[in-house]
Structure formats: C-alpha cells, structure tokens
Amino acid sequence: RGEWFNATSNLFAWCTEDDTKKSEVHQFRQTMLRLMSMLYCNALQQVATGNNTAFDVIGIADLAQESLDHLAMSPDRVETVLHWVQRTIIVAMRNGALEVAPPIVTRAYQELSGGVVNLNNVRKIREVPFPFPYTQMI
C-alpha cells in the first residue's frame, strides 16, 4: 500500500503549474485517483479472507462501462488496472500534464511495481497452506 501511495503522491507533485494545462492536470489527477482506488480494491480482493470482499471504489460510476466489462473478464484485475495506470502516466506526459523528466518518472513506475511485488508476496502467504506436520506441533 505504501508504494502505491508514494507513486501517486509523486505523480501529483510532478503535475505542471502551467495555467494552460489546468484541464489536463485535473483530468489526470481524477483518472489516477479512480484507478488507484480500483487498484487497491482489486488487490484487497485478491488477499481478503472471508465472504465480504465488496470494497468501495472512488468514482467507479465515472469509469467507462466498456472498461469495467473488460476488467470483469480479466484473469488478473490488478495487472489490468496497473496497465491502465501506466498508460495514463504516459498520456499525461505526452499532453503536458506531467512536467518531469522521463528518468524521474521511472521512480513512480518502480514504486508501482514494488507494490505488486509486495502484493504477490502476501498472495503466496495466503495461498500456500501451512505444512500439516507443523500444524500438529502447535
């Protein structure tokens, strides 16, 4: 969770202050907010135990229904949303909403991938059963 927050915080900080790009910056921030909320939700659903895996997503009604349908059919929703986040960053760089050198943006990508690595480590703990002989010793 911390890595994804840091990536989002950095990206928001790197937005341009140019008044002519206010709408692009606003659109970028709103899209990132929704996508990161969806990323957290899908990650929590992958590692949650129990029956209640319905988590709130900020602004889900504002996302295109076609995208939500695609996400519902995706075998790994976290990877799909992560791809959308990465594409959103590239689009923001191209349209001038992000005013930062490409080598610096790699830090955000590194934080995003670090979050996925941590998620996969938690999934391993959740999915791999504790060895039976050890349970007998406890």
C-alpha atoms as a PDB file:
ATOM      1  CA  ARG A   1       0.000   0.000   0.000  1.00  0.00           C
ATOM      2  CA  GLY A   2       2.793   2.435   0.843  1.00  0.00           C
ATOM      3  CA  GLU A   3       4.479   2.068  -2.520  1.00  0.00           C
ATOM      4  CA  TRP A   4       1.304   2.837  -4.447  1.00  0.00           C
ATOM      5  CA  PHE A   5       0.605   5.863  -2.249  1.00  0.00           C
ATOM      6  CA  ASN A   6       4.141   7.162  -2.826  1.00  0.00           C
ATOM      7  CA  ALA A   7       3.837   6.687  -6.587  1.00  0.00           C
ATOM      8  CA  THR A   8       0.534   8.567  -6.675  1.00  0.00           C
ATOM      9  CA  SER A   9       1.831  11.329  -4.422  1.00  0.00           C
ATOM     10  CA  ASN A  10       4.901  11.782  -6.601  1.00  0.00           C
ATOM     11  CA  LEU A  11       2.847  11.899  -9.782  1.00  0.00           C
ATOM     12  CA  PHE A  12       0.522  14.513  -8.310  1.00  0.00           C
ATOM     13  CA  ALA A  13       3.508  16.591  -7.219  1.00  0.00           C
ATOM     14  CA  TRP A  14       5.047  16.420 -10.686  1.00  0.00           C
ATOM     15  CA  CYS A  15       1.995  17.917 -12.388  1.00  0.00           C
ATOM     16  CA  THR A  16       2.648  21.128 -14.244  1.00  0.00           C
ATOM     17  CA  GLU A  17       1.759  24.517 -12.798  1.00  0.00           C
ATOM     18  CA  ASP A  18       1.072  25.900 -16.291  1.00  0.00           C
ATOM     19  CA  ASP A  19      -2.348  27.579 -16.323  1.00  0.00           C
ATOM     20  CA  THR A  20      -2.978  26.489 -19.923  1.00  0.00           C
ATOM     21  CA  LYS A  21      -2.775  22.827 -18.830  1.00  0.00           C
ATOM     22  CA  LYS A  22      -5.188  23.015 -15.883  1.00  0.00           C
ATOM     23  CA  SER A  23      -7.842  20.836 -17.535  1.00  0.00           C
ATOM     24  CA  GLU A  24      -5.267  18.164 -18.485  1.00  0.00           C
ATOM     25  CA  VAL A  25      -3.882  18.162 -14.935  1.00  0.00           C
ATOM     26  CA  HIS A  26      -7.374  17.946 -13.463  1.00  0.00           C
ATOM     27  CA  GLN A  27      -8.299  15.063 -15.789  1.00  0.00           C
ATOM     28  CA  PHE A  28      -5.044  13.239 -14.977  1.00  0.00           C
ATOM     29  CA  ARG A  29      -5.493  13.577 -11.221  1.00  0.00           C
ATOM     30  CA  GLN A  30      -9.128  12.482 -11.329  1.00  0.00           C
ATOM     31  CA  THR A  31      -8.324   9.459 -13.502  1.00  0.00           C
ATOM     32  CA  MET A  32      -5.368   8.476 -11.326  1.00  0.00           C
ATOM     33  CA  LEU A  33      -7.465   8.800  -8.172  1.00  0.00           C
ATOM     34  CA  ARG A  34     -10.109   6.439  -9.578  1.00  0.00           C
ATOM     35  CA  LEU A  35      -7.596   3.957 -10.978  1.00  0.00           C
ATOM     36  CA  MET A  36      -5.548   3.808  -7.776  1.00  0.00           C
ATOM     37  CA  SER A  37      -8.722   3.288  -5.760  1.00  0.00           C
ATOM     38  CA  MET A  38      -9.630   0.449  -8.113  1.00  0.00           C
ATOM     39  CA  LEU A  39      -6.105  -0.964  -7.855  1.00  0.00           C
ATOM     40  CA  TYR A  40      -6.310  -1.030  -4.031  1.00  0.00           C
ATOM     41  CA  CYS A  41      -9.759  -2.618  -4.176  1.00  0.00           C
ATOM     42  CA  ASN A  42      -8.711  -5.390  -6.538  1.00  0.00           C
ATOM     43  CA  ALA A  43      -5.548  -6.049  -4.542  1.00  0.00           C
ATOM     44  CA  LEU A  44      -7.549  -6.344  -1.329  1.00  0.00           C
ATOM     45  CA  GLN A  45      -9.991  -8.697  -3.016  1.00  0.00           C
ATOM     46  CA  GLN A  46      -7.105 -10.975  -4.000  1.00  0.00           C
ATOM     47  CA  VAL A  47      -5.833 -11.328  -0.440  1.00  0.00           C
ATOM     48  CA  ALA A  48      -9.015 -10.943   1.617  1.00  0.00           C
ATOM     49  CA  THR A  49     -10.338 -13.867   3.577  1.00  0.00           C
ATOM     50  CA  GLY A  50     -13.973 -14.499   4.309  1.00  0.00           C
ATOM     51  CA  ASN A  51     -17.081 -13.757   2.319  1.00  0.00           C
ATOM     52  CA  ASN A  52     -17.090  -9.967   2.452  1.00  0.00           C
ATOM     53  CA  THR A  53     -14.828  -8.787  -0.383  1.00  0.00           C
ATOM     54  CA  ALA A  54     -17.001  -5.873  -1.502  1.00  0.00           C
ATOM     55  CA  PHE A  55     -14.796  -2.804  -1.130  1.00  0.00           C
ATOM     56  CA  ASP A  56     -15.691   0.721  -2.192  1.00  0.00           C
ATOM     57  CA  VAL A  57     -14.047   2.282  -5.228  1.00  0.00           C
ATOM     58  CA  ILE A  58     -13.890   6.059  -5.544  1.00  0.00           C
ATOM     59  CA  GLY A  59     -15.728   7.324  -8.602  1.00  0.00           C
ATOM     60  CA  ILE A  60     -16.389   3.959 -10.214  1.00  0.00           C
ATOM     61  CA  ALA A  61     -19.522   5.362 -11.876  1.00  0.00           C
ATOM     62  CA  ASP A  62     -17.318   7.782 -13.834  1.00  0.00           C
ATOM     63  CA  LEU A  63     -15.344   4.994 -15.498  1.00  0.00           C
ATOM     64  CA  ALA A  64     -16.423   3.746 -18.916  1.00  0.00           C
ATOM     65  CA  GLN A  65     -18.718   0.730 -18.807  1.00  0.00           C
ATOM     66  CA  GLU A  66     -16.662  -0.895 -21.567  1.00  0.00           C
ATOM     67  CA  SER A  67     -13.587  -0.697 -19.329  1.00  0.00           C
ATOM     68  CA  LEU A  68     -15.468  -2.152 -16.362  1.00  0.00           C
ATOM     69  CA  ASP A  69     -16.737  -5.011 -18.539  1.00  0.00           C
ATOM     70  CA  HIS A  70     -13.203  -5.701 -19.731  1.00  0.00           C
ATOM     71  CA  LEU A  71     -11.964  -5.657 -16.138  1.00  0.00           C
ATOM     72  CA  ALA A  72     -14.656  -8.117 -15.060  1.00  0.00           C
ATOM     73  CA  MET A  73     -13.427 -10.592 -17.685  1.00  0.00           C
ATOM     74  CA  SER A  74      -9.739 -10.125 -16.870  1.00  0.00           C
ATOM     75  CA  PRO A  75      -7.932 -13.112 -15.314  1.00  0.00           C
ATOM     76  CA  ASP A  76      -5.822 -10.746 -13.165  1.00  0.00           C
ATOM     77  CA  ARG A  77      -7.598  -7.476 -12.455  1.00  0.00           C
ATOM     78  CA  VAL A  78      -4.643  -5.962 -10.585  1.00  0.00           C
ATOM     79  CA  GLU A  79      -2.381  -6.361 -13.611  1.00  0.00           C
ATOM     80  CA  THR A  80      -5.060  -4.885 -15.867  1.00  0.00           C
ATOM     81  CA  VAL A  81      -5.580  -1.808 -13.695  1.00  0.00           C
ATOM     82  CA  LEU A  82      -1.820  -1.419 -13.292  1.00  0.00           C
ATOM     83  CA  HIS A  83      -1.516  -1.336 -17.088  1.00  0.00           C
ATOM     84  CA  TRP A  84      -4.203   1.367 -17.223  1.00  0.00           C
ATOM     85  CA  VAL A  85      -2.283   3.387 -14.633  1.00  0.00           C
ATOM     86  CA  GLN A  86       0.921   3.096 -16.637  1.00  0.00           C
ATOM     87  CA  ARG A  87      -0.832   4.193 -19.839  1.00  0.00           C
ATOM     88  CA  THR A  88      -2.441   7.125 -18.010  1.00  0.00           C
ATOM     89  CA  ILE A  89       1.003   8.298 -16.920  1.00  0.00           C
ATOM     90  CA  ILE A  90       2.325   8.112 -20.487  1.00  0.00           C
ATOM     91  CA  VAL A  91      -0.658  10.053 -21.837  1.00  0.00           C
ATOM     92  CA  ALA A  92      -0.180  12.720 -19.147  1.00  0.00           C
ATOM     93  CA  MET A  93       3.464  13.086 -20.098  1.00  0.00           C
ATOM     94  CA  ARG A  94       2.572  13.474 -23.769  1.00  0.00           C
ATOM     95  CA  ASN A  95      -0.179  16.035 -23.214  1.00  0.00           C
ATOM     96  CA  GLY A  96       1.934  18.116 -20.833  1.00  0.00           C
ATOM     97  CA  ALA A  97       0.046  17.433 -17.600  1.00  0.00           C
ATOM     98  CA  LEU A  98       3.191  15.880 -16.106  1.00  0.00           C
ATOM     99  CA  GLU A  99       6.191  18.157 -16.227  1.00  0.00           C
ATOM    100  CA  VAL A 100       9.033  15.905 -15.216  1.00  0.00           C
ATOM    101  CA  ALA A 101      11.959  14.247 -16.969  1.00  0.00           C
ATOM    102  CA  PRO A 102      11.343  10.638 -18.046  1.00  0.00           C
ATOM    103  CA  PRO A 103      14.166   9.235 -15.870  1.00  0.00           C
ATOM    104  CA  ILE A 104      12.450  10.732 -12.824  1.00  0.00           C
ATOM    105  CA  VAL A 105       9.115   9.144 -13.769  1.00  0.00           C
ATOM    106  CA  THR A 106      10.774   5.750 -13.561  1.00  0.00           C
ATOM    107  CA  ARG A 107      10.666   6.228  -9.795  1.00  0.00           C
ATOM    108  CA  ALA A 108       6.872   6.140  -9.921  1.00  0.00           C
ATOM    109  CA  TYR A 109       6.979   3.005 -12.065  1.00  0.00           C
ATOM    110  CA  GLN A 110       9.410   1.444  -9.582  1.00  0.00           C
ATOM    111  CA  GLU A 111       7.048   2.195  -6.697  1.00  0.00           C
ATOM    112  CA  LEU A 112       4.093   0.734  -8.621  1.00  0.00           C
ATOM    113  CA  SER A 113       5.991  -2.469  -9.385  1.00  0.00           C
ATOM    114  CA  GLY A 114       7.221  -2.691  -5.787  1.00  0.00           C
ATOM    115  CA  GLY A 115       3.615  -2.628  -4.631  1.00  0.00           C
ATOM    116  CA  VAL A 116       2.757  -5.503  -6.965  1.00  0.00           C
ATOM    117  CA  VAL A 117       5.734  -7.499  -5.686  1.00  0.00           C
ATOM    118  CA  ASN A 118       4.526  -6.995  -2.111  1.00  0.00           C
ATOM    119  CA  LEU A 119       1.002  -7.985  -3.121  1.00  0.00           C
ATOM    120  CA  ASN A 120       2.295 -11.188  -4.714  1.00  0.00           C
ATOM    121  CA  ASN A 121       4.262 -11.993  -1.546  1.00  0.00           C
ATOM    122  CA  VAL A 122       1.078 -11.635   0.506  1.00  0.00           C
ATOM    123  CA  ARG A 123      -0.789 -13.804  -2.013  1.00  0.00           C
ATOM    124  CA  LYS A 124       1.844 -16.528  -1.570  1.00  0.00           C
ATOM    125  CA  ILE A 125       1.376 -16.471   2.195  1.00  0.00           C
ATOM    126  CA  ARG A 126      -2.387 -16.637   1.794  1.00  0.00           C
ATOM    127  CA  GLU A 127      -2.486 -19.320  -0.909  1.00  0.00           C
ATOM    128  CA  VAL A 128       0.246 -21.736   0.211  1.00  0.00           C
ATOM    129  CA  PRO A 129      -1.087 -23.872   3.056  1.00  0.00           C
ATOM    130  CA  PHE A 130       0.873 -24.157   6.250  1.00  0.00           C
ATOM    131  CA  PRO A 131       2.563 -27.607   6.270  1.00  0.00           C
ATOM    132  CA  PHE A 132       0.469 -30.207   8.099  1.00  0.00           C
ATOM    133  CA  PRO A 133       3.317 -31.575  10.280  1.00  0.00           C
ATOM    134  CA  TYR A 134       3.940 -28.089  11.662  1.00  0.00           C
ATOM    135  CA  THR A 135       0.267 -27.621  12.484  1.00  0.00           C
ATOM    136  CA  GLN A 136       0.417 -30.821  14.549  1.00  0.00           C
ATOM    137  CA  MET A 137       3.282 -29.436  16.594  1.00  0.00           C
ATOM    138  CA  ILE A 138       1.443 -26.237  17.509  1.00  0.00           C
END
